Amino acid sequence: MELRATYRLQLGGGLDFARVGELVPYLRDLGISHLYLSPSLQAGAGSTHGYDVVDPTRVSAELGGELGLRELADAGLGIVLDVVPTT
């Protein structure tokens, strides 16, 4: 898929993968080709920002988990993930 335009979404609180999926038709109509999502990996319990990743091999359960991310990926827009490495 050709990258034409990205739209950044800060995930968390009331914006999970399922809710983003509901926005896909509108964003596609705007000409967006890819979603830029952050953060998406499993953060610490009670995290207010999601960047304190505790398991970089797991998609955030609070956002819908791997299944939710896969369903969003199948909705028709490309996905760019913002990954912050931890030590």
N, C-alpha and C. Protein backbone atom coordinates (compact mmCIF):
# COMPACT_ATOMS: atom_id res chain seq x y z
N MET A 1 0.84 -1.17 0.00
CA MET A 1 0.00 0.00 0.00
C MET A 1 0.90 1.25 0.00
N GLU A 2 0.62 2.15 -0.92
CA GLU A 2 1.40 3.37 -1.02
C GLU A 2 1.07 4.33 0.13
N LEU A 3 2.09 4.88 0.75
CA LEU A 3 1.89 5.84 1.82
C LEU A 3 1.64 7.21 1.21
N ARG A 4 0.44 7.75 1.43
CA ARG A 4 0.08 9.06 0.90
C ARG A 4 -0.07 10.08 2.02
N ALA A 5 -0.75 9.68 3.09
CA ALA A 5 -0.99 10.60 4.19
C ALA A 5 -1.23 9.79 5.46
N THR A 6 -0.64 10.23 6.55
CA THR A 6 -0.85 9.56 7.83
C THR A 6 -1.73 10.42 8.72
N TYR A 7 -2.38 9.75 9.66
CA TYR A 7 -3.19 10.43 10.67
C TYR A 7 -2.80 9.86 12.01
N ARG A 8 -2.30 10.70 12.91
CA ARG A 8 -1.80 10.23 14.21
C ARG A 8 -2.93 10.18 15.22
N LEU A 9 -3.00 9.06 15.93
CA LEU A 9 -3.98 8.87 16.99
C LEU A 9 -3.27 8.46 18.26
N GLN A 10 -3.56 9.15 19.35
CA GLN A 10 -3.03 8.81 20.66
C GLN A 10 -4.02 7.84 21.31
N LEU A 11 -3.62 6.59 21.42
CA LEU A 11 -4.51 5.56 21.96
C LEU A 11 -4.55 5.61 23.48
N GLY A 12 -5.63 5.10 24.04
CA GLY A 12 -5.80 5.04 25.49
C GLY A 12 -7.17 5.56 25.87
N GLY A 13 -7.49 5.45 27.15
CA GLY A 13 -8.78 5.95 27.62
C GLY A 13 -9.93 5.49 26.75
N GLY A 14 -10.57 6.42 26.07
CA GLY A 14 -11.72 6.08 25.24
C GLY A 14 -11.39 5.80 23.79
N LEU A 15 -10.12 5.65 23.45
CA LEU A 15 -9.75 5.40 22.07
C LEU A 15 -8.91 4.13 21.97
N ASP A 16 -9.60 3.02 21.72
CA ASP A 16 -8.93 1.73 21.55
C ASP A 16 -9.01 1.31 20.08
N PHE A 17 -8.51 0.13 19.76
CA PHE A 17 -8.48 -0.33 18.37
C PHE A 17 -9.89 -0.40 17.77
N ALA A 18 -10.87 -0.85 18.54
CA ALA A 18 -12.24 -0.96 18.02
C ALA A 18 -12.80 0.42 17.67
N ARG A 19 -12.58 1.39 18.53
CA ARG A 19 -13.08 2.75 18.27
C ARG A 19 -12.38 3.35 17.06
N VAL A 20 -11.08 3.12 16.93
CA VAL A 20 -10.35 3.61 15.75
C VAL A 20 -10.93 2.96 14.50
N GLY A 21 -11.27 1.68 14.58
CA GLY A 21 -11.87 0.99 13.44
C GLY A 21 -13.15 1.66 12.96
N GLU A 22 -13.91 2.23 13.88
CA GLU A 22 -15.14 2.94 13.52
C GLU A 22 -14.84 4.22 12.74
N LEU A 23 -13.66 4.77 12.94
CA LEU A 23 -13.27 6.01 12.27
C LEU A 23 -12.68 5.79 10.88
N VAL A 24 -12.34 4.55 10.55
CA VAL A 24 -11.64 4.26 9.30
C VAL A 24 -12.38 4.77 8.06
N PRO A 25 -13.69 4.55 7.90
CA PRO A 25 -14.35 5.05 6.68
C PRO A 25 -14.21 6.57 6.53
N TYR A 26 -14.37 7.30 7.60
CA TYR A 26 -14.24 8.76 7.57
C TYR A 26 -12.81 9.16 7.19
N LEU A 27 -11.83 8.53 7.82
CA LEU A 27 -10.43 8.87 7.54
C LEU A 27 -10.06 8.51 6.11
N ARG A 28 -10.57 7.38 5.62
CA ARG A 28 -10.31 6.98 4.23
C ARG A 28 -10.88 8.03 3.27
N ASP A 29 -12.09 8.53 3.58
CA ASP A 29 -12.71 9.56 2.74
C ASP A 29 -11.89 10.85 2.72
N LEU A 30 -11.15 11.11 3.78
CA LEU A 30 -10.29 12.29 3.84
C LEU A 30 -9.01 12.13 3.03
N GLY A 31 -8.74 10.90 2.58
CA GLY A 31 -7.54 10.63 1.81
C GLY A 31 -6.40 10.04 2.62
N ILE A 32 -6.68 9.66 3.86
CA ILE A 32 -5.66 9.05 4.72
C ILE A 32 -5.36 7.65 4.21
N SER A 33 -4.08 7.30 4.12
CA SER A 33 -3.70 5.95 3.69
C SER A 33 -3.20 5.11 4.86
N HIS A 34 -2.66 5.78 5.91
CA HIS A 34 -2.08 5.05 7.04
C HIS A 34 -2.42 5.72 8.36
N LEU A 35 -2.63 4.90 9.37
CA LEU A 35 -2.81 5.37 10.74
C LEU A 35 -1.48 5.29 11.46
N TYR A 36 -1.15 6.33 12.18
CA TYR A 36 0.06 6.35 13.00
C TYR A 36 -0.43 6.22 14.44
N LEU A 37 -0.24 5.05 15.04
CA LEU A 37 -0.81 4.73 16.34
C LEU A 37 0.24 4.72 17.43
N SER A 38 -0.08 5.36 18.54
CA SER A 38 0.82 5.31 19.69
C SER A 38 0.02 5.46 20.96
N PRO A 39 0.43 4.86 22.00
CA PRO A 39 1.28 3.66 22.08
C PRO A 39 0.41 2.41 21.89
N SER A 40 1.00 1.30 21.54
CA SER A 40 0.24 0.09 21.23
C SER A 40 0.69 -1.15 21.99
N LEU A 41 1.84 -1.10 22.64
CA LEU A 41 2.34 -2.28 23.34
C LEU A 41 1.90 -2.29 24.81
N GLN A 42 2.06 -3.44 25.46
CA GLN A 42 1.56 -3.62 26.82
C GLN A 42 2.32 -2.75 27.82
N ALA A 43 1.61 -1.80 28.41
CA ALA A 43 2.19 -0.88 29.40
C ALA A 43 1.91 -1.38 30.80
N GLY A 44 2.53 -0.73 31.76
CA GLY A 44 2.33 -1.08 33.16
C GLY A 44 0.91 -0.81 33.62
N ALA A 45 0.46 -1.55 34.60
CA ALA A 45 -0.89 -1.37 35.14
C ALA A 45 -1.07 0.06 35.62
N GLY A 46 -2.19 0.67 35.24
CA GLY A 46 -2.49 2.02 35.67
C GLY A 46 -1.75 3.10 34.91
N SER A 47 -1.06 2.75 33.85
CA SER A 47 -0.30 3.73 33.08
C SER A 47 -1.24 4.81 32.55
N THR A 48 -0.81 6.06 32.66
CA THR A 48 -1.62 7.16 32.16
C THR A 48 -1.23 7.58 30.75
N HIS A 49 -0.10 7.07 30.26
CA HIS A 49 0.37 7.47 28.93
C HIS A 49 0.70 6.30 28.02
N GLY A 50 0.90 5.09 28.56
CA GLY A 50 1.14 3.91 27.76
C GLY A 50 2.55 3.70 27.26
N TYR A 51 3.46 4.61 27.55
CA TYR A 51 4.83 4.47 27.07
C TYR A 51 5.74 3.72 28.03
N ASP A 52 5.23 3.38 29.21
CA ASP A 52 6.03 2.60 30.16
C ASP A 52 5.78 1.11 29.91
N VAL A 53 6.29 0.66 28.78
CA VAL A 53 6.05 -0.70 28.29
C VAL A 53 6.68 -1.73 29.22
N VAL A 54 5.89 -2.73 29.59
CA VAL A 54 6.39 -3.81 30.45
C VAL A 54 6.62 -5.10 29.66
N ASP A 55 5.98 -5.20 28.48
CA ASP A 55 6.16 -6.38 27.64
C ASP A 55 6.13 -5.97 26.17
N PRO A 56 7.31 -5.81 25.57
CA PRO A 56 7.37 -5.36 24.18
C PRO A 56 6.94 -6.43 23.17
N THR A 57 6.65 -7.63 23.64
CA THR A 57 6.21 -8.70 22.74
C THR A 57 4.69 -8.84 22.72
N ARG A 58 4.00 -7.99 23.48
CA ARG A 58 2.55 -8.11 23.60
C ARG A 58 1.86 -6.80 23.25
N VAL A 59 0.81 -6.91 22.43
CA VAL A 59 -0.02 -5.75 22.12
C VAL A 59 -0.89 -5.47 23.34
N SER A 60 -1.14 -4.22 23.62
CA SER A 60 -1.89 -3.80 24.80
C SER A 60 -3.26 -4.47 24.90
N ALA A 61 -3.47 -5.19 25.99
CA ALA A 61 -4.76 -5.84 26.23
C ALA A 61 -5.85 -4.79 26.41
N GLU A 62 -5.52 -3.68 27.04
CA GLU A 62 -6.50 -2.62 27.29
C GLU A 62 -7.01 -1.98 26.00
N LEU A 63 -6.20 -2.03 24.96
CA LEU A 63 -6.61 -1.45 23.67
C LEU A 63 -7.32 -2.46 22.77
N GLY A 64 -7.34 -3.72 23.17
CA GLY A 64 -8.00 -4.74 22.36
C GLY A 64 -7.13 -5.92 22.01
N GLY A 65 -5.87 -5.87 22.44
CA GLY A 65 -4.96 -6.99 22.22
C GLY A 65 -4.60 -7.21 20.76
N GLU A 66 -3.91 -8.30 20.52
CA GLU A 66 -3.45 -8.62 19.17
C GLU A 66 -4.63 -8.78 18.21
N LEU A 67 -5.71 -9.42 18.68
CA LEU A 67 -6.88 -9.60 17.82
C LEU A 67 -7.46 -8.25 17.40
N GLY A 68 -7.57 -7.32 18.34
CA GLY A 68 -8.09 -6.00 18.02
C GLY A 68 -7.23 -5.26 17.01
N LEU A 69 -5.91 -5.39 17.16
CA LEU A 69 -5.00 -4.75 16.22
C LEU A 69 -5.11 -5.39 14.84
N ARG A 70 -5.22 -6.71 14.81
CA ARG A 70 -5.36 -7.41 13.52
C ARG A 70 -6.65 -7.00 12.81
N GLU A 71 -7.74 -6.88 13.58
CA GLU A 71 -9.01 -6.46 12.99
C GLU A 71 -8.91 -5.04 12.44
N LEU A 72 -8.23 -4.17 13.16
CA LEU A 72 -8.03 -2.81 12.68
C LEU A 72 -7.19 -2.82 11.40
N ALA A 73 -6.15 -3.63 11.37
CA ALA A 73 -5.30 -3.73 10.19
C ALA A 73 -6.09 -4.22 8.97
N ASP A 74 -7.11 -5.03 9.21
CA ASP A 74 -7.94 -5.55 8.12
C ASP A 74 -9.00 -4.55 7.67
N ALA A 75 -9.11 -3.41 8.36
CA ALA A 75 -10.15 -2.42 8.05
C ALA A 75 -9.85 -1.59 6.80
N GLY A 76 -8.63 -1.68 6.29
CA GLY A 76 -8.36 -1.04 5.01
C GLY A 76 -7.34 0.07 4.99
N LEU A 77 -6.80 0.47 6.14
CA LEU A 77 -5.74 1.48 6.15
C LEU A 77 -4.45 0.82 6.64
N GLY A 78 -3.32 1.31 6.17
CA GLY A 78 -2.05 0.83 6.68
C GLY A 78 -1.85 1.32 8.10
N ILE A 79 -0.94 0.70 8.81
CA ILE A 79 -0.68 1.07 10.21
C ILE A 79 0.82 1.29 10.41
N VAL A 80 1.14 2.40 11.03
CA VAL A 80 2.50 2.71 11.46
C VAL A 80 2.45 2.74 12.99
N LEU A 81 3.28 1.92 13.63
CA LEU A 81 3.29 1.86 15.09
C LEU A 81 4.44 2.69 15.65
N ASP A 82 4.14 3.44 16.68
CA ASP A 82 5.15 4.20 17.41
C ASP A 82 5.66 3.30 18.52
N VAL A 83 6.91 2.90 18.43
CA VAL A 83 7.49 1.99 19.42
C VAL A 83 8.61 2.71 20.15
N VAL A 84 8.53 2.75 21.47
CA VAL A 84 9.56 3.36 22.28
C VAL A 84 10.32 2.24 22.99
N PRO A 85 11.58 2.02 22.63
CA PRO A 85 12.33 0.93 23.26
C PRO A 85 12.58 1.22 24.75
N THR A 86 12.55 0.15 25.53
CA THR A 86 12.82 0.27 26.96
C THR A 86 14.10 -0.49 27.28
N THR A 87 14.69 -0.17 28.41
CA THR A 87 15.92 -0.86 28.80
C THR A 87 15.62 -1.89 29.85
